[in-house]
N, C-alpha and C. Protein backbone atom coordinates (compact mmCIF):
# COMPACT_ATOMS: atom_id res chain seq x y z
N MET A 1 145.61 83.76 3.93
CA MET A 1 146.08 82.99 5.37
C MET A 1 146.78 83.90 6.05
N ARG A 2 147.57 84.85 5.94
CA ARG A 2 148.62 85.24 6.47
C ARG A 2 147.57 86.62 7.27
N GLY A 3 146.11 87.32 6.60
CA GLY A 3 145.24 88.19 7.42
C GLY A 3 144.35 87.38 8.91
N ASN A 4 144.47 85.82 8.60
CA ASN A 4 143.71 85.40 9.98
C ASN A 4 145.20 85.07 11.02
N SER A 5 146.20 85.33 10.76
CA SER A 5 147.38 85.62 11.59
C SER A 5 147.16 86.40 12.37
N VAL A 6 146.99 87.21 11.36
CA VAL A 6 147.21 88.70 12.22
C VAL A 6 146.18 88.88 12.87
N GLN A 7 145.26 88.38 12.27
CA GLN A 7 143.85 89.03 13.21
C GLN A 7 143.77 87.96 14.71
N ARG A 8 144.22 86.87 14.31
CA ARG A 8 144.70 85.73 15.86
C ARG A 8 145.52 86.85 16.75
N ASP A 9 146.46 86.60 16.12
CA ASP A 9 147.42 87.70 17.04
C ASP A 9 147.33 89.33 17.94
N LEU A 10 146.04 89.38 17.27
CA LEU A 10 145.22 91.01 17.88
C LEU A 10 144.69 90.03 18.89
N ASP A 11 143.63 88.84 18.01
CA ASP A 11 142.32 88.72 19.59
C ASP A 11 143.31 88.50 21.06
N GLU A 12 144.45 87.55 20.61
CA GLU A 12 145.75 87.52 21.85
C GLU A 12 145.59 88.16 21.99
N ILE A 13 146.47 89.09 21.74
CA ILE A 13 146.61 90.60 22.39
C ILE A 13 145.84 91.02 23.04
N LYS A 14 144.48 91.13 22.68
CA LYS A 14 143.58 92.18 23.32
C LYS A 14 142.94 91.00 24.59
N SER A 15 142.84 89.64 24.30
CA SER A 15 142.78 89.09 25.42
C SER A 15 143.88 89.37 26.48
N LEU A 16 144.84 88.87 26.14
CA LEU A 16 145.91 89.44 27.50
C LEU A 16 145.60 90.60 28.09
N ALA A 17 146.15 91.69 27.16
CA ALA A 17 145.85 92.92 27.75
C ALA A 17 144.87 92.97 28.46
N LEU A 18 143.70 92.17 28.16
CA LEU A 18 142.40 92.50 29.12
C LEU A 18 142.77 91.27 30.48
N ARG A 19 143.42 90.36 30.58
CA ARG A 19 143.83 89.20 31.81
C ARG A 19 144.68 90.20 32.56
N TYR A 20 145.67 90.98 31.94
CA TYR A 20 146.48 91.50 32.64
C TYR A 20 145.82 92.27 33.10
N ILE A 21 145.05 93.70 32.62
CA ILE A 21 144.43 94.54 33.33
C ILE A 21 143.52 93.79 34.68
N LYS A 22 142.45 93.08 34.03
CA LYS A 22 141.56 92.49 35.30
C LYS A 22 142.75 92.10 36.51
N GLU A 23 143.96 91.14 36.01
CA GLU A 23 144.60 90.71 38.03
C GLU A 23 145.48 92.09 38.47
N GLU A 24 145.73 92.69 37.17
CA GLU A 24 146.79 94.26 37.98
C GLU A 24 145.87 94.75 38.94
N THR A 25 144.40 95.02 38.42
CA THR A 25 143.96 96.62 38.45
C THR A 25 142.32 96.05 39.55
N ILE A 26 141.44 95.48 38.92
CA ILE A 26 140.09 94.87 39.72
C ILE A 26 140.81 94.22 40.93
N GLN A 27 141.53 92.83 40.60
CA GLN A 27 141.53 92.25 41.91
C GLN A 27 142.61 93.14 43.14
N PRO A 28 142.89 93.73 42.83
CA PRO A 28 143.61 94.51 44.32
C PRO A 28 142.46 95.84 44.33
N ILE A 29 141.93 95.64 43.91
CA ILE A 29 140.72 96.80 44.38
C ILE A 29 139.78 95.81 45.28
N LYS A 30 139.80 95.26 44.45
CA LYS A 30 138.46 94.01 45.25
C LYS A 30 139.25 93.62 47.00
N ASP A 31 140.27 93.44 46.66
CA ASP A 31 141.16 93.19 47.68
C ASP A 31 141.40 94.52 48.98
N MET A 32 141.62 95.64 48.37
CA MET A 32 141.38 96.80 49.16
C MET A 32 140.10 97.19 49.88
N GLY A 33 139.10 96.78 49.07
CA GLY A 33 137.58 96.83 49.36
C GLY A 33 137.58 96.64 50.66
N ARG A 34 138.05 95.48 50.46
CA ARG A 34 137.78 94.49 51.44
C ARG A 34 138.25 94.34 52.71
N PHE A 35 139.58 94.97 52.57
CA PHE A 35 140.61 95.37 53.59
C PHE A 35 139.68 96.76 54.61
N VAL A 36 139.01 97.88 53.56
CA VAL A 36 138.79 98.77 54.16
C VAL A 36 137.14 98.37 54.91
N ALA A 37 135.90 97.89 54.23
CA ALA A 37 134.98 97.47 54.87
C ALA A 37 135.60 96.71 56.53
N TRP A 38 136.55 95.91 56.56
CA TRP A 38 136.63 95.82 57.08
C TRP A 38 137.28 96.37 58.57
N GLY A 39 138.10 97.13 58.03
CA GLY A 39 138.24 98.42 59.52
C GLY A 39 137.68 99.30 59.58
N ALA A 40 136.86 99.81 58.33
CA ALA A 40 135.87 100.73 59.14
C ALA A 40 134.75 99.91 59.99
N LEU A 41 134.36 98.52 59.83
CA LEU A 41 133.43 97.96 60.61
C LEU A 41 134.02 98.01 62.02
N GLY A 42 135.50 97.41 62.34
CA GLY A 42 136.32 97.20 63.51
C GLY A 42 136.38 98.56 63.80
N SER A 43 136.46 99.81 63.42
CA SER A 43 136.43 101.05 63.70
C SER A 43 135.78 101.96 64.55
N LEU A 44 134.34 101.19 63.48
CA LEU A 44 132.81 101.25 64.14
C LEU A 44 132.45 100.61 65.42
N LEU A 45 133.32 99.30 65.64
CA LEU A 45 133.18 99.00 66.84
C LEU A 45 133.94 99.34 68.00
N VAL A 46 134.53 99.76 68.08
CA VAL A 46 135.80 100.31 68.67
C VAL A 46 134.93 101.36 69.45
N GLY A 47 134.46 102.35 68.63
CA GLY A 47 133.77 103.73 68.75
C GLY A 47 133.13 103.42 69.83
N PHE A 48 131.92 102.46 69.56
CA PHE A 48 131.28 101.94 69.95
C PHE A 48 131.39 101.59 71.52
N GLY A 49 132.24 100.95 71.68
CA GLY A 49 132.79 99.96 72.64
C GLY A 49 133.51 101.37 73.17
N TYR A 50 134.23 102.03 72.99
CA TYR A 50 134.55 103.74 73.88
C TYR A 50 133.42 104.00 74.12
N PHE A 51 132.43 104.87 73.28
CA PHE A 51 131.30 105.21 74.13
C PHE A 51 130.36 104.57 75.18
N PHE A 52 130.37 103.35 74.92
CA PHE A 52 129.47 102.74 76.34
C PHE A 52 130.25 102.37 77.20
N LEU A 53 131.70 102.28 77.38
CA LEU A 53 133.02 102.33 78.64
C LEU A 53 132.67 103.49 79.18
N LEU A 54 132.55 104.39 78.53
CA LEU A 54 133.06 105.84 79.14
C LEU A 54 131.63 106.73 80.09
N PHE A 55 130.58 105.95 78.65
CA PHE A 55 128.86 105.88 79.49
C PHE A 55 128.68 106.05 80.95
N GLY A 56 129.55 104.51 81.21
CA GLY A 56 128.88 103.92 81.90
C GLY A 56 130.12 104.04 83.34
N ALA A 57 131.10 104.72 83.27
CA ALA A 57 132.14 105.46 83.73
C ALA A 57 131.68 107.05 84.41
N LEU A 58 130.68 107.35 83.52
CA LEU A 58 129.63 108.66 84.20
C LEU A 58 129.10 108.16 85.18
N ARG A 59 127.47 107.06 84.24
CA ARG A 59 126.79 106.53 85.39
C ARG A 59 127.30 106.15 87.14
N PHE A 60 128.79 105.52 86.48
CA PHE A 60 129.46 104.65 87.85
C PHE A 60 129.36 105.92 88.93
N LEU A 61 130.19 107.21 88.41
CA LEU A 61 130.18 108.36 89.11
C LEU A 61 129.20 109.61 89.77
N GLN A 62 128.71 109.12 89.29
CA GLN A 62 127.35 109.52 89.36
C GLN A 62 126.40 108.56 90.62
N ASP A 63 126.09 107.26 90.05
CA ASP A 63 125.86 106.76 91.28
C ASP A 63 126.22 106.19 92.21
N GLN A 64 127.92 106.41 92.27
CA GLN A 64 128.85 106.06 93.44
C GLN A 64 129.15 107.10 94.38
N PHE A 65 129.10 108.14 94.24
CA PHE A 65 129.14 109.32 94.79
C PHE A 65 128.52 110.06 94.95
N LYS A 66 127.49 110.75 96.36
CA LYS A 66 126.78 110.87 96.53
C LYS A 66 126.71 112.23 96.41
N VAL A 67 127.92 112.67 96.94
CA VAL A 67 128.48 113.83 97.16
C VAL A 67 128.60 114.81 95.89
N LEU A 68 129.01 114.17 94.86
CA LEU A 68 128.84 115.09 93.43
C LEU A 68 127.13 115.29 93.09
N ASP A 69 126.34 115.05 94.11
CA ASP A 69 124.78 115.66 93.64
C ASP A 69 124.67 117.37 94.04
N GLY A 70 123.79 117.57 93.32
CA GLY A 70 123.78 119.01 93.37
C GLY A 70 124.09 120.09 92.88
N THR A 71 125.40 120.79 93.45
CA THR A 71 126.04 122.21 92.79
C THR A 71 127.22 121.05 92.44
N LEU A 72 127.81 120.09 93.06
CA LEU A 72 128.55 119.42 91.92
C LEU A 72 128.76 118.26 91.44
N SER A 73 127.15 118.57 90.57
CA SER A 73 126.96 117.42 89.35
C SER A 73 127.40 117.49 88.41
N TRP A 74 128.08 118.41 87.97
CA TRP A 74 129.10 118.76 86.51
C TRP A 74 130.46 117.88 87.10
N ILE A 75 130.90 117.51 88.33
CA ILE A 75 132.18 117.18 87.76
C ILE A 75 132.31 116.07 87.76
N PRO A 76 131.20 114.88 87.51
CA PRO A 76 130.90 113.14 86.37
C PRO A 76 131.81 113.93 84.85
N TYR A 77 131.22 114.57 84.81
CA TYR A 77 130.81 115.13 83.58
C TYR A 77 131.91 115.31 83.34
N LEU A 78 133.04 116.67 83.87
CA LEU A 78 134.08 116.91 83.47
C LEU A 78 135.42 116.06 83.54
N ILE A 79 135.37 114.66 84.62
CA ILE A 79 135.83 113.32 84.12
C ILE A 79 136.05 113.36 83.31
N VAL A 80 134.87 112.57 83.13
CA VAL A 80 134.39 112.27 81.80
C VAL A 80 135.05 112.46 80.52
N VAL A 81 134.99 113.77 79.98
CA VAL A 81 135.45 114.74 79.21
C VAL A 81 136.90 114.25 78.82
N VAL A 82 137.56 114.96 80.24
CA VAL A 82 138.72 114.51 80.39
C VAL A 82 139.27 113.07 79.85
N LEU A 83 138.95 111.84 80.14
CA LEU A 83 138.76 110.70 79.81
C LEU A 83 138.87 110.46 78.19
N VAL A 84 137.66 111.62 78.03
CA VAL A 84 137.57 111.26 76.30
C VAL A 84 139.09 112.09 75.32
N ALA A 85 139.29 113.15 76.12
CA ALA A 85 140.90 113.72 75.61
C ALA A 85 142.28 112.80 75.65
N LEU A 86 141.72 112.07 77.02
CA LEU A 86 143.03 111.14 77.21
C LEU A 86 143.11 110.09 76.42
N VAL A 87 141.95 109.72 75.58
CA VAL A 87 141.80 108.66 74.79
C VAL A 87 141.68 108.84 73.21
N ILE A 88 141.37 110.23 73.12
CA ILE A 88 141.65 110.82 71.79
C ILE A 88 143.73 110.99 71.39
N ALA A 89 143.72 111.80 72.61
CA ALA A 89 145.42 112.09 72.75
C ALA A 89 146.18 110.47 72.13
N LEU A 90 146.02 109.51 72.85
CA LEU A 90 146.47 108.53 72.93
C LEU A 90 146.51 107.90 71.83
N THR A 91 144.87 107.90 70.62
CA THR A 91 144.92 107.29 69.28
C THR A 91 145.47 108.19 68.64
N LEU A 92 145.55 109.52 68.66
CA LEU A 92 146.22 110.10 67.62
C LEU A 92 147.97 110.05 67.68
N TRP A 93 148.48 109.90 69.13
CA TRP A 93 149.60 109.87 69.24
C TRP A 93 150.08 108.45 69.00
N ARG A 94 149.16 107.26 68.51
CA ARG A 94 149.84 106.07 67.92
C ARG A 94 149.57 106.17 66.55
N ILE A 95 148.87 106.79 66.13
CA ILE A 95 148.79 107.01 64.57
C ILE A 95 150.03 107.74 64.06
N VAL A 96 150.27 108.63 65.01
CA VAL A 96 151.45 109.60 64.73
C VAL A 96 152.88 109.11 64.70
N SER A 97 153.10 108.20 65.44
CA SER A 97 154.25 107.48 65.77
C SER A 97 154.04 105.92 65.70
N GLY A 98 153.59 105.48 64.17
CA GLY A 98 152.95 104.24 63.86
C GLY A 98 153.69 103.89 62.65
N THR A 99 153.65 102.83 61.83
CA THR A 99 154.51 102.41 60.67
C THR A 99 155.29 103.54 59.96
N ALA A 100 154.08 104.63 59.89
CA ALA A 100 154.94 105.43 59.12
C ALA A 100 155.66 106.23 59.19
N LYS A 101 155.77 106.45 60.53
CA LYS A 101 157.45 107.26 60.83
C LYS A 101 158.38 106.17 60.95
N ARG A 102 158.08 104.76 60.81
CA ARG A 102 159.40 104.04 61.33
C ARG A 102 159.71 103.45 59.57
N ARG A 103 158.48 103.81 58.48
CA ARG A 103 159.06 103.69 57.56
C ARG A 103 160.15 104.89 56.67
N LEU A 104 159.52 106.02 57.46
CA LEU A 104 160.25 107.17 57.01
C LEU A 104 161.85 107.11 57.66
N LYS A 105 162.32 106.37 58.84
CA LYS A 105 163.70 106.53 59.16
C LYS A 105 164.10 105.47 58.56
N ASP A 106 163.45 103.94 57.36
CA ASP A 106 164.60 102.97 57.17
C ASP A 106 164.48 103.62 55.73
N THR A 107 164.07 104.73 54.75
CA THR A 107 164.50 105.49 53.57
C THR A 107 165.53 106.50 53.75
N LYS A 108 165.44 106.66 54.96
CA LYS A 108 166.29 107.94 55.14
C LYS A 108 168.02 106.90 55.37
């Protein structure tokens, strides 16, 4: 009778440990995976949006300003490269001055 009680206790401990591991590790990993997947998809779509916007700006400059034909045809490309550099600089600035920096201030 006593051996049966010990076996039942061991089964309960095993069941409890397994349930705890599932709740505290597997579910947060699934939630994080979902978060990362949606974030990656959003980043990809924003990247495509910027690409098409900058491509449109290039075509607009080439089409509207006929002065930039011939030997000055490189100027629209330069303007778009400068716009790309500004977008990258703005993105990096927002990343650096984001919530991580505010959290560091709060901990000090």
